[in-house]
Protein backbone atom coordinates (compact mmCIF):
# COMPACT_ATOMS: atom_id res chain seq x y z
CA MET A 1 -25.91 4.14 74.06
CA TYR A 2 -27.07 7.34 75.76
CA ASN A 3 -28.88 6.40 78.79
CA LYS A 4 -29.36 9.49 80.79
CA PRO A 5 -32.98 10.43 82.00
CA TRP A 6 -34.96 13.33 81.00
CA LEU A 7 -34.88 15.92 83.76
CA SER A 8 -37.52 18.70 84.69
CA TYR A 9 -36.02 22.00 85.35
CA GLU A 10 -36.45 21.56 89.05
CA GLN A 11 -34.71 18.17 88.85
CA GLN A 12 -31.92 19.73 86.91
CA LEU A 13 -31.54 22.44 89.73
CA ASP A 14 -31.72 19.73 92.53
CA LYS A 15 -28.57 18.06 90.79
CA LEU A 16 -26.74 21.00 90.80
CA VAL A 17 -27.35 21.82 94.36
CA GLU A 18 -26.63 18.19 95.25
CA ASN A 19 -23.23 18.54 93.45
CA GLY A 20 -22.62 21.69 95.71
CA LEU A 21 -23.53 24.71 93.40
CA ILE A 22 -24.84 27.65 95.49
CA ILE A 23 -28.31 28.78 94.53
CA ASP A 24 -29.16 32.06 95.83
CA ASP A 25 -32.58 32.54 94.33
CA ARG A 26 -34.39 29.34 93.23
CA ASN A 27 -36.85 31.02 91.13
CA LYS A 28 -34.51 33.18 89.33
CA ALA A 29 -32.25 30.25 88.67
CA LEU A 30 -35.19 28.17 87.22
CA SER A 31 -35.90 31.04 84.98
CA PHE A 32 -32.46 30.96 83.53
CA LEU A 33 -32.56 27.14 82.97
CA GLU A 34 -35.95 27.53 81.06
CA ARG A 35 -34.55 30.57 78.97
CA ILE A 36 -31.07 29.45 78.40
CA GLY A 37 -30.97 25.76 78.80
CA TYR A 38 -28.86 23.51 81.16
CA TYR A 39 -26.30 22.49 78.58
CA ARG A 40 -25.51 25.90 77.33
CA LEU A 41 -25.16 27.19 81.00
CA SER A 42 -23.11 24.02 81.70
CA GLY A 43 -20.04 25.52 79.74
CA TYR A 44 -19.94 28.57 82.14
CA TRP A 45 -20.19 26.50 85.37
CA TYR A 46 -17.81 24.08 84.03
CA PRO A 47 -14.82 26.12 85.31
CA PHE A 48 -16.16 25.76 89.04
CA LYS A 49 -15.84 21.96 88.89
CA GLN A 50 -13.32 20.07 91.13
CA ARG A 51 -10.43 18.58 89.45
CA SER A 52 -7.57 16.38 90.19
CA GLU A 53 -4.32 15.99 88.32
CA LEU A 54 -3.15 12.42 87.33
CA CYS A 55 -0.06 11.18 85.63
CA CYS A 56 -1.10 8.62 82.90
CA LEU A 57 1.00 6.30 80.78
CA TYR A 58 0.60 6.44 76.98
CA ASN A 59 2.06 5.13 73.99
CA SER A 60 3.88 7.73 71.64
CA ALA A 61 2.72 6.55 68.23
CA ILE A 62 5.32 9.15 66.43
CA LYS A 63 8.87 8.50 67.23
CA LYS A 64 8.93 5.73 69.75
CA PRO A 65 5.80 3.49 69.37
CA ASN A 66 6.82 0.98 71.82
CA LYS A 67 8.15 3.32 74.66
CA LYS A 68 5.62 4.32 77.37
CA GLN A 69 5.77 7.83 78.52
CA LYS A 70 3.97 9.85 81.46
CA ARG A 71 1.63 12.73 80.56
CA ALA A 72 -0.53 14.68 82.86
CA THR A 73 -4.23 14.58 82.58
CA THR A 74 -7.12 16.19 84.56
CA LEU A 75 -10.00 14.39 85.80
CA VAL A 76 -13.27 16.75 86.28
CA PHE A 77 -15.80 15.82 88.76
CA ASP A 78 -19.32 16.47 89.11
CA GLN A 79 -18.96 18.20 92.35
CA PHE A 80 -18.25 21.86 92.42
CA ILE A 81 -15.48 23.77 94.33
CA THR A 82 -16.35 25.55 97.51
CA GLY A 83 -18.25 28.76 96.87
CA ALA A 84 -19.13 28.12 93.49
CA ASN A 85 -22.35 29.98 92.72
CA PHE A 86 -25.07 29.53 90.07
CA GLN A 87 -25.07 33.30 89.50
CA SER A 88 -21.45 33.46 88.80
CA ALA A 89 -22.14 31.10 85.91
CA VAL A 90 -24.82 33.44 84.56
CA ASP A 91 -22.76 36.42 84.81
CA LEU A 92 -20.19 34.66 82.76
CA TYR A 93 -22.59 33.91 80.18
CA ILE A 94 -23.90 37.48 80.03
CA PHE A 95 -20.33 38.69 79.84
CA ASP A 96 -19.50 36.02 76.99
CA LYS A 97 -22.71 37.13 75.11
CA LYS A 98 -21.70 40.85 75.19
CA LEU A 99 -18.21 39.84 73.97
CA ARG A 100 -19.35 37.78 71.06
CA ILE A 101 -21.85 40.72 69.93
CA PHE A 102 -18.90 43.04 70.29
CA VAL A 103 -16.64 41.03 68.25
CA LEU A 104 -19.07 40.53 65.26
CA ASP A 105 -19.14 44.26 65.10
CA ALA A 106 -15.41 44.24 64.17
CA LEU A 107 -15.71 41.19 61.96
CA GLU A 108 -18.46 42.66 60.01
CA ARG A 109 -16.31 45.94 59.14
CA ILE A 110 -13.38 43.53 58.25
CA GLU A 111 -15.66 41.47 55.90
CA VAL A 112 -17.08 44.18 54.05
CA ALA A 113 -13.60 45.78 53.40
CA LEU A 114 -12.22 42.54 52.30
CA ARG A 115 -14.98 41.93 49.89
CA VAL A 116 -14.15 45.16 48.12
CA ASP A 117 -10.24 44.40 48.22
CA ILE A 118 -10.76 40.80 46.69
CA SER A 119 -13.30 41.82 44.08
CA HIS A 120 -11.37 44.84 43.09
CA THR A 121 -8.09 43.04 42.89
CA LEU A 122 -9.66 40.04 40.85
CA GLY A 123 -11.90 42.27 38.97
CA ARG A 124 -8.91 44.22 37.30
CA ASN A 125 -8.18 40.88 35.41
CA SER A 126 -11.77 39.93 34.46
CA ALA A 127 -15.19 40.85 35.63
CA PHE A 128 -15.55 37.04 36.11
CA ALA A 129 -12.46 36.18 37.36
CA TYR A 130 -13.62 33.90 39.98
CA LEU A 131 -14.57 31.56 37.05
CA GLU A 132 -11.37 31.20 35.46
CA PRO A 133 -8.59 29.07 36.76
CA ASP A 134 -5.69 30.92 35.49
CA HIS A 135 -6.20 33.90 38.22
CA PHE A 136 -5.74 31.15 41.17
CA LYS A 137 -3.03 28.81 42.49
CA ASP A 138 -2.88 25.34 40.75
CA VAL A 139 -3.88 23.88 44.21
CA PHE A 140 -7.01 25.56 44.20
CA SER A 141 -7.91 25.79 40.64
CA LYS A 142 -6.47 22.40 39.13
CA GLN A 143 -5.71 19.87 41.63
CA VAL A 144 -8.17 17.59 43.09
CA ASP A 145 -8.57 17.77 47.01
CA ALA A 146 -7.56 14.48 48.38
CA LYS A 147 -10.05 14.59 51.31
CA THR A 148 -13.09 15.70 49.23
CA GLY A 149 -12.17 14.40 45.59
CA VAL A 150 -13.24 17.57 44.33
CA ILE A 151 -11.16 20.49 42.90
CA PRO A 152 -11.35 23.28 45.44
CA GLN A 153 -12.36 25.94 42.90
CA HIS A 154 -15.47 23.80 41.81
CA ALA A 155 -16.50 23.57 45.35
CA TRP A 156 -16.15 27.17 45.96
CA LEU A 157 -18.05 27.87 42.75
CA GLN A 158 -20.84 25.76 43.84
CA ASN A 159 -21.37 27.46 47.23
CA HIS A 160 -21.10 30.78 45.31
CA ALA A 161 -23.95 29.76 43.04
CA ASN A 162 -26.11 28.69 45.92
CA LEU A 163 -25.55 32.10 47.34
CA ILE A 164 -26.36 33.92 44.15
CA SER A 165 -29.46 31.73 43.78
CA ARG A 166 -30.88 32.04 47.14
CA SER A 167 -30.17 36.08 47.39
CA LYS A 168 -33.26 38.18 47.29
CA GLU A 169 -31.13 41.54 47.26
CA GLU A 170 -32.39 43.90 44.47
CA PHE A 171 -29.08 44.42 43.15
CA ILE A 172 -28.58 40.83 42.25
CA LEU A 173 -32.27 40.29 40.85
CA HIS A 174 -31.77 43.29 38.78
CA THR A 175 -28.41 42.15 37.52
CA LYS A 176 -29.81 38.55 36.63
CA GLU A 177 -32.79 40.16 35.02
CA LYS A 178 -30.97 42.65 32.94
CA TYR A 179 -27.78 40.90 32.04
CA GLY A 180 -28.20 37.29 33.12
CA LEU A 181 -25.72 35.11 34.66
CA PRO A 182 -22.77 35.01 35.46
CA VAL A 183 -22.89 38.02 37.64
CA PRO A 184 -19.57 40.28 37.83
CA ILE A 185 -17.42 39.94 40.78
CA TRP A 186 -17.81 43.44 42.12
CA ILE A 187 -21.57 42.64 42.50
CA ALA A 188 -21.31 39.02 43.28
CA CYS A 189 -18.96 39.54 46.21
CA GLU A 190 -21.81 41.34 48.15
CA VAL A 191 -23.46 38.02 48.75
CA TRP A 192 -20.28 36.51 50.24
CA ASP A 193 -20.17 35.44 53.90
CA PHE A 194 -16.65 35.60 55.51
CA GLY A 195 -15.97 31.86 55.01
CA THR A 196 -16.54 32.41 51.28
CA LEU A 197 -14.09 35.35 50.89
CA SER A 198 -11.53 33.59 53.01
CA ARG A 199 -11.55 30.58 50.80
CA LEU A 200 -11.22 32.50 47.64
CA PHE A 201 -8.34 34.59 49.23
CA LYS A 202 -6.68 31.25 50.06
CA GLY A 203 -6.86 30.43 46.44
CA MET A 204 -5.69 33.51 44.98
CA LEU A 205 -2.12 33.83 43.49
CA PRO A 206 0.57 34.96 46.03
CA GLU A 207 1.45 38.15 44.63
CA GLN A 208 -2.43 39.34 44.40
CA GLN A 209 -2.57 38.24 48.03
CA THR A 210 0.47 40.23 49.03
CA ILE A 211 -1.00 43.50 47.24
CA ILE A 212 -3.83 43.12 49.47
CA ALA A 213 -1.91 41.96 52.58
CA ASN A 214 0.25 45.24 52.23
CA LYS A 215 -2.84 47.40 52.23
CA TYR A 216 -3.25 46.16 55.98
CA GLY A 217 0.37 46.70 56.80
CA ILE A 218 1.06 42.86 56.44
CA THR A 219 4.19 41.76 54.88
CA LYS A 220 3.14 38.52 53.38
CA GLY A 221 0.01 37.46 51.76
CA GLU A 222 0.41 34.13 53.54
CA THR A 223 0.02 35.78 56.74
CA LEU A 224 -3.25 37.52 55.83
CA GLU A 225 -4.50 34.10 54.60
CA SER A 226 -3.81 32.73 58.04
CA TRP A 227 -5.46 35.41 59.80
CA LEU A 228 -8.60 35.28 57.80
CA ARG A 229 -8.90 31.63 58.45
CA CYS A 230 -8.74 32.12 62.31
CA LEU A 231 -11.05 35.25 61.96
CA ASN A 232 -13.64 32.92 60.08
CA TYR A 233 -13.41 30.34 62.91
CA LEU A 234 -13.94 33.18 65.47
CA ARG A 235 -16.80 34.60 63.35
CA ASN A 236 -18.43 31.19 63.29
CA VAL A 237 -18.10 30.82 67.14
CA CYS A 238 -19.82 34.09 67.62
CA ALA A 239 -22.49 33.74 65.10
CA HIS A 240 -23.51 30.22 66.41
CA HIS A 241 -23.74 31.77 70.11
CA SER A 242 -21.10 29.44 71.20
CA ARG A 243 -18.95 30.01 74.27
CA LEU A 244 -15.98 32.41 73.41
CA TRP A 245 -14.22 33.84 76.51
CA ASN A 246 -11.87 30.76 77.43
CA ARG A 247 -12.27 28.75 74.29
CA ASN A 248 -9.32 27.01 72.97
CA MET A 249 -9.14 28.20 69.42
CA ILE A 250 -8.85 25.30 66.84
CA GLU A 251 -7.54 27.86 64.14
CA GLN A 252 -4.28 29.62 65.11
CA PRO A 253 -2.11 32.27 63.37
CA LYS A 254 1.33 31.55 62.42
CA GLN A 255 3.94 33.01 64.82
CA ASP A 256 6.31 34.65 62.27
CA GLY A 257 3.31 36.82 60.66
CA LEU A 258 2.40 38.24 64.06
CA LYS A 259 5.51 40.35 63.97
CA ASP A 260 3.59 42.71 61.60
CA ILE A 261 1.64 43.51 64.58
CA LYS A 262 3.44 46.58 66.29
CA HIS A 263 3.11 45.19 69.89
CA PHE A 264 4.30 41.70 69.19
CA THR A 265 8.12 41.45 68.95
CA ASP A 266 8.71 38.19 70.57
CA ASN A 267 7.26 34.73 70.23
CA LEU A 268 3.99 34.30 72.08
CA SER A 269 3.19 31.49 74.37
CA PRO A 270 1.29 28.25 73.19
CA HIS A 271 -1.56 29.71 75.85
CA THR A 272 -1.66 33.14 74.12
CA LEU A 273 -1.95 31.49 70.66
CA ALA A 274 -4.67 29.15 71.50
CA ARG A 275 -6.96 31.82 73.12
CA PRO A 276 -9.39 34.34 71.77
CA PHE A 277 -7.56 37.59 72.91
CA LEU A 278 -4.91 37.32 70.35
CA GLN A 279 -7.36 37.12 67.55
CA LEU A 280 -9.10 40.26 69.02
CA CYS A 281 -5.72 41.94 68.41
CA ILE A 282 -5.65 40.56 64.85
CA ALA A 283 -9.12 42.24 64.17
CA GLN A 284 -7.65 45.37 65.83
CA HIS A 285 -4.76 45.53 63.49
CA LEU A 286 -6.93 45.45 60.44
CA LEU A 287 -9.43 47.80 61.88
CA THR A 288 -6.62 50.53 62.30
CA LYS A 289 -6.24 50.28 58.55
CA ILE A 290 -9.90 50.17 57.67
CA ASN A 291 -11.00 52.88 60.05
CA PRO A 292 -8.15 54.69 61.87
CA ASN A 293 -10.43 56.65 63.90
CA SER A 294 -12.25 53.61 65.11
CA THR A 295 -12.76 53.42 68.89
CA TRP A 296 -13.31 49.59 68.98
CA TRP A 297 -10.29 48.85 71.20
CA GLU A 298 -11.14 51.40 73.82
CA ARG A 299 -14.57 49.98 73.88
CA LEU A 300 -12.95 46.55 74.20
CA LYS A 301 -11.09 47.53 77.22
CA THR A 302 -14.14 48.96 78.68
CA LEU A 303 -15.91 45.65 78.14
CA LEU A 304 -13.19 43.47 79.39
CA ASN A 305 -13.38 45.62 82.69
CA GLU A 306 -16.86 44.22 83.12
CA PHE A 307 -15.49 40.71 83.57
CA PRO A 308 -17.41 39.09 86.51
CA ASP A 309 -15.61 39.43 89.85
CA ILE A 310 -15.03 35.65 90.55
CA THR A 311 -11.46 35.50 91.39
CA GLU A 312 -12.29 33.64 94.55
CA GLN A 313 -13.14 30.72 92.44
CA GLY A 314 -9.88 31.01 90.51
CA ILE A 315 -11.55 32.52 87.67
CA ASN A 316 -10.20 35.56 85.69
CA LEU A 317 -9.22 36.98 82.40
CA GLU A 318 -6.13 34.92 82.07
CA ALA A 319 -8.24 32.38 80.33
CA ILE A 320 -9.08 34.62 77.60
CA GLY A 321 -5.23 34.99 76.76
CA MET A 322 -4.97 38.53 77.82
CA ILE A 323 -1.47 39.92 76.99
CA GLU A 324 0.11 41.94 79.79
CA GLY A 325 0.22 45.73 79.15
CA TYR A 326 -2.49 45.65 76.54
CA VAL A 327 -4.45 48.50 78.59
CA GLU A 328 -1.40 50.95 77.66
CA TRP A 329 -1.05 49.89 73.87
CA ASN A 330 -1.38 52.80 71.38
CA TRP A 331 -2.53 51.53 67.89
CA GLN A 332 -1.88 54.73 65.87
């Protein structure tokens, strides 16, 4: 049972000071706690906490269930490292906020372009292709998902119907009033969010996935499918105002498809695969095809140069998964 007491803003600040966090301006710090919140900011002072590496025993349940093995684990303490400053956490928060807003700009352009690509490709088959199972993989349109007990296309269609029903867009209202339901795919696509389009793309037939992927300089449709799944997760992190800059990305792209990106010829490290910078590179690759004259990458480099100067606390851009030499990359 959760048993921690409610704390006033003053008490929250006292707790931080007691644990060694430097407060240069108490009134200013209180203002940040009141406007942003203790637990949202805690994700940004978390890197400043003291740690200890331990070697623990654990049982491997996969290959050798009866053999104990050693594994390193990290204990994180309440106390902060020497020199940790409240303002540094705020500066990280502000940088992260700018990064999230900046990333959403790229994802919006990618989302809009892919709505057109998917609806145009499927619409060639039928105005209502999204309703027709034969235009999709069997695993999407005919097989019951073992986890949900529902055919994925049926679940997708329910979500799609909700989007159409809730929409107040004039073109949707006009289409329903004049022609009734269902709405043609080239109109319906305009109410899709990133998750809706990425799940539909996942269900498309491989040959049609590849047609769209090739447009973006991607060899296989399954590579673009992997990328869209990752970008949808990235979009959700940004849209829900969650911490991004040093996040461990749950959705990660497949190694082999990354070689379609001109700057990636070798396999990337697990750290790079798990961090946001790689997905920013994927977004840039797509943007070079959507808008070859885009200055998004140059503006990204400018933003990364604004990363707070807190190297004394051991905090730097390596946590974002930054790839060496990215400043010199030419995407043309």
